[in-house]
Amino acid sequence: MRIALHTKLKPGAEADYEAAHRAVPTELVAAIRRAGATSWTIWRSGTDLFHVIDCTAYDRLLTELSTLPANIAWQHRMDEYLATAHDYSADGSSATLPVMWDLETASE
């Protein structure tokens, strides 16, 4: 399954956010993979962040990461930079972006 998210940085937090993502803890990276994520990409345009996550099950990913100390510490760190944090709700419905069009499923 593919999930798209939008979050927003606090103005002036861009450099610190980018620096943090150059050193994501290896324990967290391994846990994200174990929880079923096969890909997670974040793009930045000004203070807007766009995430695309490919995973086996988004609810499983969130559940498995929710109590992991490395993830809790990471989320606390990200709270310093984010103006609009991701809503890590169980179903992600209030945080995910709906698909409008997909080339893979489009007919010719």
C-alpha atoms as a PDB file:
ATOM      1  CA  MET A   1       0.000   0.000   0.000  1.00  0.00           C
ATOM      2  CA  ARG A   2       1.144   3.555  -0.673  1.00  0.00           C
ATOM      3  CA  ILE A   3       0.490   6.406   1.757  1.00  0.00           C
ATOM      4  CA  ALA A   4       1.069  10.112   1.060  1.00  0.00           C
ATOM      5  CA  LEU A   5       1.316  12.616   3.913  1.00  0.00           C
ATOM      6  CA  HIS A   6       1.770  16.365   4.241  1.00  0.00           C
ATOM      7  CA  THR A   7       3.412  18.041   7.210  1.00  0.00           C
ATOM      8  CA  LYS A   8       4.716  21.554   7.703  1.00  0.00           C
ATOM      9  CA  LEU A   9       7.910  22.872   9.269  1.00  0.00           C
ATOM     10  CA  LYS A  10       8.160  25.833  11.582  1.00  0.00           C
ATOM     11  CA  PRO A  11       9.698  28.746   9.670  1.00  0.00           C
ATOM     12  CA  GLY A  12      13.462  28.692  10.124  1.00  0.00           C
ATOM     13  CA  ALA A  13      13.607  24.977  11.023  1.00  0.00           C
ATOM     14  CA  GLU A  14      14.516  23.795   7.517  1.00  0.00           C
ATOM     15  CA  ALA A  15      18.285  23.387   8.063  1.00  0.00           C
ATOM     16  CA  ASP A  16      17.882  21.623  11.418  1.00  0.00           C
ATOM     17  CA  TYR A  17      15.232  19.277   9.985  1.00  0.00           C
ATOM     18  CA  GLU A  18      17.465  18.391   7.050  1.00  0.00           C
ATOM     19  CA  ALA A  19      20.457  17.850   9.350  1.00  0.00           C
ATOM     20  CA  ALA A  20      18.397  15.527  11.548  1.00  0.00           C
ATOM     21  CA  HIS A  21      17.422  13.445   8.523  1.00  0.00           C
ATOM     22  CA  ARG A  22      21.039  13.004   7.497  1.00  0.00           C
ATOM     23  CA  ALA A  23      21.454  11.029  10.745  1.00  0.00           C
ATOM     24  CA  VAL A  24      18.268   9.029  11.343  1.00  0.00           C
ATOM     25  CA  PRO A  25      19.171   6.441  14.009  1.00  0.00           C
ATOM     26  CA  THR A  26      19.985   3.056  12.481  1.00  0.00           C
ATOM     27  CA  GLU A  27      17.800   1.383  15.126  1.00  0.00           C
ATOM     28  CA  LEU A  28      14.827   3.422  13.896  1.00  0.00           C
ATOM     29  CA  VAL A  29      15.552   2.678  10.220  1.00  0.00           C
ATOM     30  CA  ALA A  30      15.701  -1.060  10.983  1.00  0.00           C
ATOM     31  CA  ALA A  31      12.450  -0.875  12.991  1.00  0.00           C
ATOM     32  CA  ILE A  32      10.659   0.949  10.169  1.00  0.00           C
ATOM     33  CA  ARG A  33      11.697  -1.812   7.773  1.00  0.00           C
ATOM     34  CA  ARG A  34      10.696  -4.572  10.223  1.00  0.00           C
ATOM     35  CA  ALA A  35       7.297  -2.902  10.602  1.00  0.00           C
ATOM     36  CA  GLY A  36       6.680  -3.381   6.881  1.00  0.00           C
ATOM     37  CA  ALA A  37       7.873  -0.193   5.167  1.00  0.00           C
ATOM     38  CA  THR A  38       9.709  -0.858   1.928  1.00  0.00           C
ATOM     39  CA  SER A  39      10.137   2.788   0.973  1.00  0.00           C
ATOM     40  CA  TRP A  40       9.714   6.179   2.663  1.00  0.00           C
ATOM     41  CA  THR A  41      10.643   9.355   0.826  1.00  0.00           C
ATOM     42  CA  ILE A  42      10.255  12.929   2.071  1.00  0.00           C
ATOM     43  CA  TRP A  43      10.362  15.964  -0.214  1.00  0.00           C
ATOM     44  CA  ARG A  44      10.566  19.568   1.004  1.00  0.00           C
ATOM     45  CA  SER A  45       9.267  22.706  -0.699  1.00  0.00           C
ATOM     46  CA  GLY A  46       9.896  25.651   1.596  1.00  0.00           C
ATOM     47  CA  THR A  47       8.291  24.629   4.871  1.00  0.00           C
ATOM     48  CA  ASP A  48       5.994  22.026   3.276  1.00  0.00           C
ATOM     49  CA  LEU A  49       6.983  18.366   3.613  1.00  0.00           C
ATOM     50  CA  PHE A  50       5.520  15.633   1.445  1.00  0.00           C
ATOM     51  CA  HIS A  51       5.994  12.000   2.459  1.00  0.00           C
ATOM     52  CA  VAL A  52       5.329   8.887   0.375  1.00  0.00           C
ATOM     53  CA  ILE A  53       5.456   5.580   2.208  1.00  0.00           C
ATOM     54  CA  ASP A  54       5.195   2.153   0.625  1.00  0.00           C
ATOM     55  CA  CYS A  55       4.360  -0.469   3.240  1.00  0.00           C
ATOM     56  CA  THR A  56       2.554  -3.748   3.724  1.00  0.00           C
ATOM     57  CA  ALA A  57      -0.011  -2.214   6.106  1.00  0.00           C
ATOM     58  CA  TYR A  58       0.024   1.367   7.354  1.00  0.00           C
ATOM     59  CA  ASP A  59      -1.838   0.562  10.569  1.00  0.00           C
ATOM     60  CA  ARG A  60       0.726  -2.159  11.335  1.00  0.00           C
ATOM     61  CA  LEU A  61       3.574   0.283  10.697  1.00  0.00           C
ATOM     62  CA  LEU A  62       2.105   2.841  13.096  1.00  0.00           C
ATOM     63  CA  THR A  63       1.285   0.260  15.754  1.00  0.00           C
ATOM     64  CA  GLU A  64       4.711  -1.336  15.742  1.00  0.00           C
ATOM     65  CA  LEU A  65       6.514   2.006  15.915  1.00  0.00           C
ATOM     66  CA  SER A  66       4.220   3.602  18.507  1.00  0.00           C
ATOM     67  CA  THR A  67       5.899   2.078  21.577  1.00  0.00           C
ATOM     68  CA  LEU A  68       9.444   1.831  20.261  1.00  0.00           C
ATOM     69  CA  PRO A  69      11.743   4.033  22.393  1.00  0.00           C
ATOM     70  CA  ALA A  70      13.827   5.068  19.353  1.00  0.00           C
ATOM     71  CA  ASN A  71      10.679   6.228  17.546  1.00  0.00           C
ATOM     72  CA  ILE A  72       9.293   8.019  20.598  1.00  0.00           C
ATOM     73  CA  ALA A  73      12.580   9.914  20.945  1.00  0.00           C
ATOM     74  CA  TRP A  74      12.598  10.685  17.198  1.00  0.00           C
ATOM     75  CA  GLN A  75       9.031  11.993  17.242  1.00  0.00           C
ATOM     76  CA  HIS A  76       9.865  14.176  20.233  1.00  0.00           C
ATOM     77  CA  ARG A  77      12.838  15.580  18.295  1.00  0.00           C
ATOM     78  CA  MET A  78      10.690  16.176  15.182  1.00  0.00           C
ATOM     79  CA  ASP A  79       8.147  18.077  17.311  1.00  0.00           C
ATOM     80  CA  GLU A  80      10.832  20.760  17.717  1.00  0.00           C
ATOM     81  CA  TYR A  81      10.789  21.383  13.947  1.00  0.00           C
ATOM     82  CA  LEU A  82       7.217  20.724  12.882  1.00  0.00           C
ATOM     83  CA  ALA A  83       4.467  23.360  12.794  1.00  0.00           C
ATOM     84  CA  THR A  84       1.924  20.795  11.612  1.00  0.00           C
ATOM     85  CA  ALA A  85       2.814  17.344  12.821  1.00  0.00           C
ATOM     86  CA  HIS A  86       1.616  14.150  11.243  1.00  0.00           C
ATOM     87  CA  ASP A  87      -1.432  12.698  12.988  1.00  0.00           C
ATOM     88  CA  TYR A  88      -0.278   9.167  13.720  1.00  0.00           C
ATOM     89  CA  SER A  89      -3.809   7.930  14.244  1.00  0.00           C
ATOM     90  CA  ALA A  90      -4.483   4.226  13.960  1.00  0.00           C
ATOM     91  CA  ASP A  91      -6.045   4.438  10.515  1.00  0.00           C
ATOM     92  CA  GLY A  92      -4.194   7.535   9.328  1.00  0.00           C
ATOM     93  CA  SER A  93      -7.400   8.844   7.756  1.00  0.00           C
ATOM     94  CA  SER A  94      -7.007  12.367   9.057  1.00  0.00           C
ATOM     95  CA  ALA A  95      -3.409  12.619   7.872  1.00  0.00           C
ATOM     96  CA  THR A  96      -3.188  10.822   4.546  1.00  0.00           C
ATOM     97  CA  LEU A  97      -3.677  12.540   1.222  1.00  0.00           C
ATOM     98  CA  PRO A  98      -6.348  11.005  -1.025  1.00  0.00           C
ATOM     99  CA  VAL A  99      -5.280   9.716  -4.441  1.00  0.00           C
ATOM    100  CA  MET A 100      -6.663  11.810  -7.294  1.00  0.00           C
ATOM    101  CA  TRP A 101      -5.004  10.016 -10.199  1.00  0.00           C
ATOM    102  CA  ASP A 102      -2.477   7.222 -10.684  1.00  0.00           C
ATOM    103  CA  LEU A 103      -0.654   6.452 -13.938  1.00  0.00           C
ATOM    104  CA  GLU A 104      -0.327   2.774 -12.958  1.00  0.00           C
ATOM    105  CA  THR A 105      -4.111   2.359 -12.922  1.00  0.00           C
ATOM    106  CA  ALA A 106      -4.983   4.773 -15.744  1.00  0.00           C
ATOM    107  CA  SER A 107      -6.420   3.348 -18.953  1.00  0.00           C
ATOM    108  CA  GLU A 108      -5.000   4.269 -22.311  1.00  0.00           C
END
